[in-house]
Amino acid sequence: MADKSIMEEMLPMKISNWESIEYSEGINCPNENCDNKSYDDDARNIIGWCDTPYGYMMVCECKKCFTKYRFHGTTGDRFDFDNFAFYFMMRTKMRKEK
């Protein structure tokens, strides 16, 4: 399991009502009326993460239409919290540095 400091940093970003957030199979905005289909991280804001029966997922908001959506965002085991935490924290820290 991820160390305590990572958990303390991630816990405030946990979104519990994941069922109300649309799932996207890819990294792009799932809104069919939105043309923001860029794979660039600048196309979305990471607003949190969620723990679902389908694995851990990142929760994003499209910068163009403001649709909130969730996707796995990692490679490998979708239930491996350490792997997920690594990718999630790396992406959120990179966003803060920009």
Foldseek 3Di string as FASTA:
>chain_A
DDDPVLCVVQVVQEDEVQVVAAEDADPADPPPVDPLGDPDPVQWAFRHWYQDPQAIWTWIAGPPPRGIYIYQQFDDDRHPVVRSSVRVVVSNVVVVVD
